N, C-alpha and C. Protein backbone atom coordinates (compact mmCIF):
# COMPACT_ATOMS: atom_id res chain seq x y z
N MET A 1 4.30 -8.03 -7.56
CA MET A 1 3.35 -7.25 -7.59
C MET A 1 1.87 -7.68 -7.73
N PRO A 2 1.83 -8.80 -8.69
CA PRO A 2 0.68 -9.56 -8.89
C PRO A 2 0.04 -10.13 -7.03
N ARG A 3 1.31 -10.29 -5.99
CA ARG A 3 0.82 -11.08 -5.12
C ARG A 3 0.50 -10.10 -3.91
N LEU A 4 0.81 -8.58 -3.99
CA LEU A 4 0.41 -7.67 -3.57
C LEU A 4 -0.82 -7.10 -3.57
N ALA A 5 -1.02 -7.24 -4.66
CA ALA A 5 -2.60 -6.16 -5.29
C ALA A 5 -3.79 -6.93 -4.57
N PRO A 6 -4.20 -8.27 -4.14
CA PRO A 6 -5.28 -8.46 -3.44
C PRO A 6 -4.97 -7.85 -2.34
N HIS A 7 -4.22 -7.41 -1.70
CA HIS A 7 -4.16 -7.04 -0.34
C HIS A 7 -4.39 -5.32 0.00
N LEU A 8 -4.07 -4.64 -1.13
CA LEU A 8 -4.14 -3.31 -1.44
C LEU A 8 -5.23 -2.59 -1.67
N PRO A 9 -5.57 -1.42 -1.05
CA PRO A 9 -7.11 -0.71 -1.40
C PRO A 9 -7.15 0.11 -2.70
N LEU A 10 -5.80 0.25 -3.37
CA LEU A 10 -5.68 1.31 -4.71
C LEU A 10 -5.45 0.05 -5.72
N PRO A 11 -5.49 0.52 -6.98
CA PRO A 11 -4.60 -0.30 -7.93
C PRO A 11 -3.63 -0.42 -7.85
N ILE A 12 -2.40 -1.35 -8.42
CA ILE A 12 -1.08 -1.03 -8.88
C ILE A 12 -0.90 -1.54 -9.91
N SER A 13 0.25 -1.17 -10.47
CA SER A 13 0.33 -1.78 -12.11
C SER A 13 0.79 -2.99 -12.29
N GLU A 14 0.79 -3.66 -13.13
CA GLU A 14 0.50 -4.94 -13.54
C GLU A 14 1.94 -5.47 -14.23
N PRO A 15 2.89 -6.15 -14.18
CA PRO A 15 4.01 -6.49 -15.02
C PRO A 15 3.56 -7.12 -16.01
N LEU A 16 3.93 -6.70 -17.52
CA LEU A 16 3.82 -6.86 -18.99
C LEU A 16 5.08 -7.56 -19.53
N ALA A 17 6.44 -7.42 -19.04
CA ALA A 17 7.36 -8.24 -19.66
C ALA A 17 8.19 -7.65 -19.17
N LYS A 18 9.62 -8.81 -18.97
CA LYS A 18 10.55 -8.64 -18.44
C LYS A 18 11.84 -9.09 -18.97
N GLY A 19 12.56 -8.67 -18.72
CA GLY A 19 13.84 -8.93 -19.63
C GLY A 19 15.36 -8.73 -19.02
N GLU A 20 16.50 -9.67 -19.55
CA GLU A 20 17.65 -9.86 -18.66
C GLU A 20 18.82 -8.71 -19.36
N PRO A 21 19.82 -8.54 -18.57
CA PRO A 21 20.69 -7.76 -19.37
C PRO A 21 21.22 -8.58 -20.66
N GLY A 22 21.57 -7.52 -21.34
CA GLY A 22 22.19 -7.63 -23.15
C GLY A 22 22.92 -6.51 -23.30
N ASP A 23 23.06 -6.89 -24.72
CA ASP A 23 23.98 -5.82 -25.39
C ASP A 23 23.06 -4.30 -25.30
N GLY A 24 23.50 -3.63 -25.35
CA GLY A 24 23.37 -2.29 -25.10
C GLY A 24 22.82 -1.96 -23.63
N TYR A 25 21.95 -2.82 -22.78
CA TYR A 25 21.43 -2.32 -21.55
C TYR A 25 21.78 -3.34 -20.74
N PRO A 26 23.00 -2.95 -20.00
CA PRO A 26 23.61 -4.17 -19.03
C PRO A 26 22.88 -4.63 -17.44
N PHE A 27 21.54 -4.08 -17.11
CA PHE A 27 20.60 -4.29 -16.06
C PHE A 27 19.50 -5.10 -16.85
N PRO A 28 19.04 -5.95 -15.53
CA PRO A 28 17.64 -6.60 -15.44
C PRO A 28 16.53 -5.50 -16.25
N TRP A 29 14.95 -5.60 -16.83
CA TRP A 29 14.69 -4.90 -17.13
C TRP A 29 13.16 -5.21 -16.73
N SER A 30 11.91 -4.28 -17.11
CA SER A 30 10.69 -4.82 -16.84
C SER A 30 10.06 -3.74 -17.33
N VAL A 31 8.57 -4.37 -18.03
CA VAL A 31 7.90 -3.02 -18.24
C VAL A 31 6.43 -3.59 -17.53
N TYR A 32 5.66 -1.86 -17.13
CA TYR A 32 4.68 -2.22 -16.37
C TYR A 32 3.43 -1.55 -17.14
N ARG A 33 1.96 -1.96 -16.91
CA ARG A 33 1.37 -1.52 -17.09
C ARG A 33 0.84 -0.05 -16.62
N TRP A 34 0.53 1.11 -17.35
CA TRP A 34 0.30 2.28 -17.17
C TRP A 34 -1.04 2.15 -16.33
N LEU A 35 -0.93 3.06 -15.08
CA LEU A 35 -2.29 3.37 -14.44
C LEU A 35 -2.85 4.38 -14.87
N PRO A 36 -4.42 4.77 -15.03
CA PRO A 36 -4.98 5.90 -15.21
C PRO A 36 -4.99 6.51 -14.07
N GLY A 37 -5.07 8.13 -13.90
CA GLY A 37 -5.01 8.59 -12.92
C GLY A 37 -4.83 10.36 -13.08
N GLU A 38 -4.92 11.14 -12.08
CA GLU A 38 -4.55 12.66 -12.03
C GLU A 38 -3.13 12.88 -11.64
N THR A 39 -2.61 14.01 -12.22
CA THR A 39 -1.52 14.73 -11.66
C THR A 39 -2.30 15.31 -10.34
N THR A 40 -1.32 15.66 -9.43
CA THR A 40 -1.47 16.04 -7.70
C THR A 40 -2.34 17.54 -8.22
N GLU A 41 -1.97 18.46 -9.50
CA GLU A 41 -2.54 19.67 -9.55
C GLU A 41 -4.28 19.46 -9.95
N ASP A 42 -4.15 18.56 -10.05
CA ASP A 42 -5.76 18.03 -11.19
C ASP A 42 -6.58 17.49 -10.07
N LEU A 43 -6.18 17.20 -8.88
CA LEU A 43 -6.92 16.08 -7.80
C LEU A 43 -8.35 17.40 -7.45
N ALA A 44 -9.63 16.65 -7.73
CA ALA A 44 -10.81 17.60 -6.85
C ALA A 44 -10.49 17.60 -5.57
N ASP A 45 -10.16 16.76 -4.53
CA ASP A 45 -9.92 16.59 -3.36
C ASP A 45 -8.92 16.08 -2.97
N PRO A 46 -7.68 16.86 -2.58
CA PRO A 46 -6.70 16.13 -2.46
C PRO A 46 -6.65 15.66 -0.69
N VAL A 47 -7.78 16.14 0.30
CA VAL A 47 -7.48 15.70 1.17
C VAL A 47 -7.89 14.30 1.41
N GLU A 48 -9.18 14.16 0.62
CA GLU A 48 -9.48 12.58 0.23
C GLU A 48 -8.13 11.58 -0.26
N ALA A 49 -7.64 12.65 -1.36
CA ALA A 49 -6.37 11.95 -2.07
C ALA A 49 -4.83 11.50 -0.81
N ALA A 50 -5.01 12.07 -0.37
CA ALA A 50 -3.62 11.80 1.01
C ALA A 50 -4.43 10.88 1.90
N LYS A 51 -5.82 10.65 2.20
CA LYS A 51 -6.23 9.63 2.95
C LYS A 51 -6.65 8.23 2.42
N GLU A 52 -6.54 8.44 0.92
CA GLU A 52 -6.36 7.18 0.41
C GLU A 52 -5.10 6.51 0.06
N LEU A 53 -4.35 7.49 0.05
CA LEU A 53 -2.80 7.30 0.08
C LEU A 53 -2.04 6.60 1.26
N ALA A 54 -2.61 7.03 2.40
CA ALA A 54 -2.42 6.91 3.82
C ALA A 54 -3.07 5.52 3.97
N GLY A 55 -4.26 5.31 3.54
CA GLY A 55 -4.49 3.69 3.55
C GLY A 55 -3.96 2.89 2.85
N PHE A 56 -3.53 3.03 1.63
CA PHE A 56 -2.62 2.21 0.67
C PHE A 56 -1.22 1.68 1.29
N VAL A 57 -0.53 2.84 2.11
CA VAL A 57 1.04 2.72 2.53
C VAL A 57 0.77 1.71 3.65
N SER A 58 -0.40 2.09 4.78
CA SER A 58 -0.92 1.31 5.81
C SER A 58 -0.97 -0.23 5.61
N ALA A 59 -1.82 -0.70 4.42
CA ALA A 59 -2.08 -1.56 3.98
C ALA A 59 -0.64 -2.53 3.17
N LEU A 60 0.31 -1.38 2.79
CA LEU A 60 1.37 -2.20 2.39
C LEU A 60 2.30 -2.67 3.22
N GLN A 61 1.86 -1.83 4.51
CA GLN A 61 3.21 -2.07 5.64
C GLN A 61 2.65 -3.11 6.70
N ARG A 62 1.46 -3.65 6.30
CA ARG A 62 0.61 -4.56 6.96
C ARG A 62 1.07 -6.12 6.28
N ILE A 63 1.49 -6.50 4.89
CA ILE A 63 1.60 -7.60 4.40
C ILE A 63 3.13 -8.00 4.65
N ASP A 64 2.87 -9.57 4.96
CA ASP A 64 3.91 -10.03 5.30
C ASP A 64 5.18 -10.01 4.07
N ALA A 65 6.28 -9.47 4.58
CA ALA A 65 7.09 -9.79 3.70
C ALA A 65 7.90 -11.09 3.54
N THR A 66 7.61 -12.19 4.50
CA THR A 66 8.35 -13.29 4.72
C THR A 66 8.49 -13.63 3.29
N GLY A 67 9.74 -14.10 2.64
CA GLY A 67 9.82 -14.92 1.91
C GLY A 67 10.15 -13.75 0.48
N GLY A 68 10.07 -12.52 0.74
CA GLY A 68 10.22 -11.77 -0.24
C GLY A 68 11.55 -11.38 -0.68
N PRO A 69 11.62 -10.64 -1.54
CA PRO A 69 13.02 -10.52 -2.27
C PRO A 69 14.17 -9.76 -1.00
N GLY A 70 15.29 -10.24 -0.76
CA GLY A 70 15.93 -9.68 0.38
C GLY A 70 16.96 -8.38 -0.22
N PRO A 71 17.76 -7.92 0.60
CA PRO A 71 18.22 -6.53 -0.13
C PRO A 71 19.20 -6.93 -0.82
N SER A 72 19.12 -5.58 -2.16
CA SER A 72 19.59 -5.91 -3.33
C SER A 72 19.79 -4.67 -3.81
N TRP A 73 20.75 -4.38 -4.65
CA TRP A 73 20.69 -2.75 -5.70
C TRP A 73 19.53 -2.72 -6.00
N SER A 74 18.81 -4.19 -6.85
CA SER A 74 17.56 -3.61 -7.69
C SER A 74 16.23 -3.30 -6.79
N ASN A 75 16.48 -3.31 -5.57
CA ASN A 75 14.98 -2.94 -4.48
C ASN A 75 15.93 -1.85 -3.52
N ALA A 76 16.68 -1.18 -3.66
CA ALA A 76 17.36 -0.13 -3.00
C ALA A 76 17.85 -0.65 -1.85
N PHE A 77 18.14 -1.75 -1.67
CA PHE A 77 18.59 -2.82 -0.26
C PHE A 77 17.39 -2.82 0.82
N ARG A 78 16.25 -3.04 0.37
CA ARG A 78 15.24 -2.64 1.50
C ARG A 78 15.37 -3.76 2.29
N GLY A 79 14.81 -3.04 3.43
CA GLY A 79 15.13 -3.97 4.78
C GLY A 79 16.21 -3.90 5.50
N VAL A 80 17.23 -3.30 5.19
CA VAL A 80 18.84 -2.93 5.84
C VAL A 80 18.49 -1.91 6.56
N PRO A 81 19.20 -1.69 7.67
CA PRO A 81 19.07 -0.40 8.56
C PRO A 81 19.55 0.60 7.97
N MET A 82 18.92 1.97 8.56
CA MET A 82 19.01 3.35 7.89
C MET A 82 20.52 3.32 8.12
N GLY A 83 21.36 3.79 6.72
CA GLY A 83 22.77 4.20 6.77
C GLY A 83 23.76 3.24 6.77
N ASP A 84 22.80 1.80 6.11
CA ASP A 84 23.82 0.84 5.69
C ASP A 84 24.72 1.08 4.97
N GLU A 85 25.90 0.96 4.75
CA GLU A 85 26.84 1.41 3.86
C GLU A 85 26.90 0.32 2.34
N ARG A 86 25.59 -0.45 2.04
CA ARG A 86 25.68 -0.59 1.06
C ARG A 86 25.37 -0.07 -0.10
N ASP A 87 25.82 -0.05 -1.53
CA ASP A 87 25.23 0.83 -2.56
C ASP A 87 23.53 1.01 -2.50
N SER A 88 23.44 1.87 -0.98
CA SER A 88 21.68 1.98 -1.14
C SER A 88 21.29 3.80 -1.49
N VAL A 89 20.14 3.98 -1.01
CA VAL A 89 19.75 5.24 -1.66
C VAL A 89 19.99 5.73 -0.02
N ALA A 90 19.88 4.71 0.91
CA ALA A 90 20.22 5.58 2.46
C ALA A 90 21.29 5.67 2.78
N VAL A 91 22.37 5.20 2.06
CA VAL A 91 23.57 5.95 2.86
C VAL A 91 23.94 6.83 2.93
N ASP A 92 24.56 7.03 4.12
CA ASP A 92 24.64 8.55 5.16
C ASP A 92 25.24 9.25 3.67
N ALA A 93 26.57 9.05 3.15
CA ALA A 93 27.25 9.70 2.19
C ALA A 93 26.45 10.41 1.08
N ARG A 94 25.51 9.54 0.84
CA ARG A 94 24.56 10.02 -0.31
C ARG A 94 23.54 11.18 0.01
N VAL A 95 22.79 10.72 1.25
CA VAL A 95 21.61 11.33 1.66
C VAL A 95 22.25 13.10 2.21
N ARG A 96 22.91 13.01 3.16
CA ARG A 96 23.41 14.43 3.29
C ARG A 96 24.03 15.41 2.49
N PRO A 97 24.43 14.97 1.33
CA PRO A 97 24.55 16.21 0.03
C PRO A 97 23.78 16.38 -0.29
N LYS A 98 22.62 15.48 -0.23
CA LYS A 98 21.23 15.62 -0.96
C LYS A 98 20.28 17.00 -0.09
N ILE A 99 20.75 17.00 1.27
CA ILE A 99 20.19 17.84 2.31
C ILE A 99 20.27 18.74 2.06
N GLU A 100 22.09 19.10 1.80
CA GLU A 100 22.96 20.17 1.53
C GLU A 100 22.20 21.02 0.28
N ALA A 101 21.84 20.01 -0.69
CA ALA A 101 21.36 21.02 -1.88
C ALA A 101 20.30 21.45 -1.97
N LEU A 102 19.40 21.09 -0.87
CA LEU A 102 17.86 21.53 -0.90
C LEU A 102 18.25 22.94 0.09
N ARG A 103 19.36 23.37 1.05
CA ARG A 103 19.32 24.13 1.63
C ARG A 103 18.96 25.28 1.16
N GLY A 104 18.13 26.10 1.81
CA GLY A 104 17.38 27.47 1.01
C GLY A 104 15.85 27.28 0.59
N ILE A 105 15.72 25.54 0.32
CA ILE A 105 14.33 25.37 -0.20
C ILE A 105 13.82 25.00 0.88
N VAL A 106 14.28 24.34 1.93
CA VAL A 106 13.51 23.70 2.98
C VAL A 106 14.51 24.21 4.19
N ASP A 107 14.22 23.51 5.13
CA ASP A 107 15.07 23.65 6.09
C ASP A 107 15.90 22.81 6.59
N ALA A 108 17.32 22.68 6.09
CA ALA A 108 18.09 22.02 6.21
C ALA A 108 18.58 21.44 7.20
N GLY A 109 18.50 22.16 8.17
CA GLY A 109 18.80 21.82 9.79
C GLY A 109 17.81 21.19 10.51
N ALA A 110 16.36 20.91 10.20
CA ALA A 110 15.61 20.29 10.31
C ALA A 110 15.78 18.79 10.03
N VAL A 111 15.68 18.76 8.49
CA VAL A 111 15.56 17.82 7.81
C VAL A 111 17.08 16.75 8.27
N THR A 112 18.00 17.65 8.45
CA THR A 112 19.44 16.57 9.07
C THR A 112 19.14 15.73 10.43
N ALA A 113 18.13 16.89 11.28
CA ALA A 113 17.53 16.37 12.25
C ALA A 113 16.97 14.95 12.57
N VAL A 114 15.92 15.20 11.31
CA VAL A 114 15.03 13.91 11.03
C VAL A 114 15.91 12.86 10.50
N TRP A 115 17.19 13.04 9.59
CA TRP A 115 17.80 11.83 9.43
C TRP A 115 18.67 11.44 10.00
N GLU A 116 19.27 12.28 11.18
CA GLU A 116 20.09 11.69 12.65
C GLU A 116 19.34 10.93 13.17
N ALA A 117 18.08 11.68 13.41
CA ALA A 117 17.13 10.58 14.38
C ALA A 117 17.03 9.16 13.81
N ALA A 118 16.39 9.05 12.36
CA ALA A 118 16.48 8.01 11.74
C ALA A 118 17.60 6.77 11.71
N LEU A 119 18.77 7.42 11.80
CA LEU A 119 20.14 6.98 11.98
C LEU A 119 19.94 6.17 13.24
N ALA A 120 19.76 7.08 14.23
CA ALA A 120 19.90 6.71 15.81
C ALA A 120 18.88 5.75 15.98
N ALA A 121 17.55 5.33 15.53
CA ALA A 121 16.82 4.66 16.09
C ALA A 121 17.09 3.10 16.21
N PRO A 122 16.76 2.38 16.79
CA PRO A 122 17.14 1.07 17.15
C PRO A 122 16.40 0.60 15.91
N THR A 123 17.56 -0.35 15.35
CA THR A 123 16.64 -1.40 14.51
C THR A 123 16.41 -2.79 14.56
N GLY A 124 14.97 -2.98 14.08
CA GLY A 124 14.52 -4.56 14.58
C GLY A 124 13.49 -4.57 15.50
N THR A 125 13.47 -3.20 16.16
CA THR A 125 12.00 -2.92 16.84
C THR A 125 10.82 -2.59 16.44
N ALA A 126 11.02 -2.07 15.37
CA ALA A 126 9.69 -1.25 14.93
C ALA A 126 9.70 -2.17 13.26
N ARG A 127 8.47 -2.00 12.59
CA ARG A 127 8.26 -2.56 11.44
C ARG A 127 8.41 -1.43 10.48
N ARG A 128 7.69 -0.14 11.26
CA ARG A 128 7.98 1.29 10.26
C ARG A 128 8.70 2.09 11.33
N CYS A 129 9.52 2.66 10.45
CA CYS A 129 10.39 4.12 10.53
C CYS A 129 9.39 5.17 11.55
N GLY A 130 8.26 4.88 11.29
CA GLY A 130 7.46 6.30 11.76
C GLY A 130 6.94 5.85 13.09
N SER A 131 7.28 4.70 13.37
CA SER A 131 6.98 4.03 14.47
C SER A 131 7.99 4.50 15.49
N ARG A 132 8.68 4.55 15.32
CA ARG A 132 10.20 4.80 16.37
C ARG A 132 10.07 6.26 16.68
N PRO A 133 9.97 6.38 18.53
CA PRO A 133 9.94 7.54 18.77
C PRO A 133 10.73 8.52 18.48
N ALA A 134 11.79 8.20 18.11
CA ALA A 134 12.94 9.29 17.92
C ALA A 134 12.67 9.93 16.88
N VAL A 135 12.29 9.06 15.81
CA VAL A 135 11.80 9.60 14.27
C VAL A 135 10.79 10.39 14.45
N LYS A 136 9.85 9.86 14.94
CA LYS A 136 8.33 10.58 14.84
C LYS A 136 8.55 11.55 15.38
N ASP A 137 9.21 11.84 16.50
CA ASP A 137 9.17 13.00 17.24
C ASP A 137 9.97 14.16 16.14
N ALA A 138 10.85 13.70 15.40
CA ALA A 138 11.53 14.75 14.88
C ALA A 138 11.06 15.12 13.54
N VAL A 139 9.95 14.20 12.88
CA VAL A 139 9.41 14.26 11.91
C VAL A 139 8.06 15.45 12.15
N THR A 140 7.34 14.88 13.42
CA THR A 140 6.56 15.66 13.94
C THR A 140 7.05 17.40 14.03
N LYS A 141 8.11 17.62 14.79
CA LYS A 141 8.79 18.84 14.74
C LYS A 141 9.08 19.39 13.17
N TYR A 142 9.30 18.58 12.71
CA TYR A 142 9.99 19.08 11.44
C TYR A 142 8.61 20.01 10.50
N THR A 143 7.59 18.82 10.67
CA THR A 143 6.29 19.37 9.92
C THR A 143 5.57 20.56 10.35
N ARG A 144 5.30 20.33 11.80
CA ARG A 144 5.05 21.38 12.14
C ARG A 144 5.41 22.72 11.66
N ALA A 145 6.57 23.17 11.88
CA ALA A 145 7.31 24.30 11.40
C ALA A 145 6.87 24.67 9.78
N TYR A 146 6.05 23.67 9.50
CA TYR A 146 5.36 24.25 7.71
C TYR A 146 4.21 24.04 7.59
């Protein structure tokens, strides 16, 4: 995180402590400084907040990840293709039941179409999922419905 901070337009949390697995907690752990801020309900200007968030995400995407940590369980297998069957949050067998659980809250058919477009998008041809035409078209279609 400290290596990312100089490249980003908004503050990010700083690591305060790091620990290793031990008795009572079998995973690596860390503690980060809390960032002051507002909840989304309290934003004075939600449109400006959305623009700032978009600028943050764009800046984050421009950072060269060469030499960064490789895919592992601790970073949700960052960098693997969509639908990769590793124990990732983006495993098809995990995503589809979550979409189904949202049926009635969201248009599950539209969300499934976005997911399937993401799975079908060619890997290694674009840095960002949103720049892949099939995914972008599916997301645009879904968001216009709301």
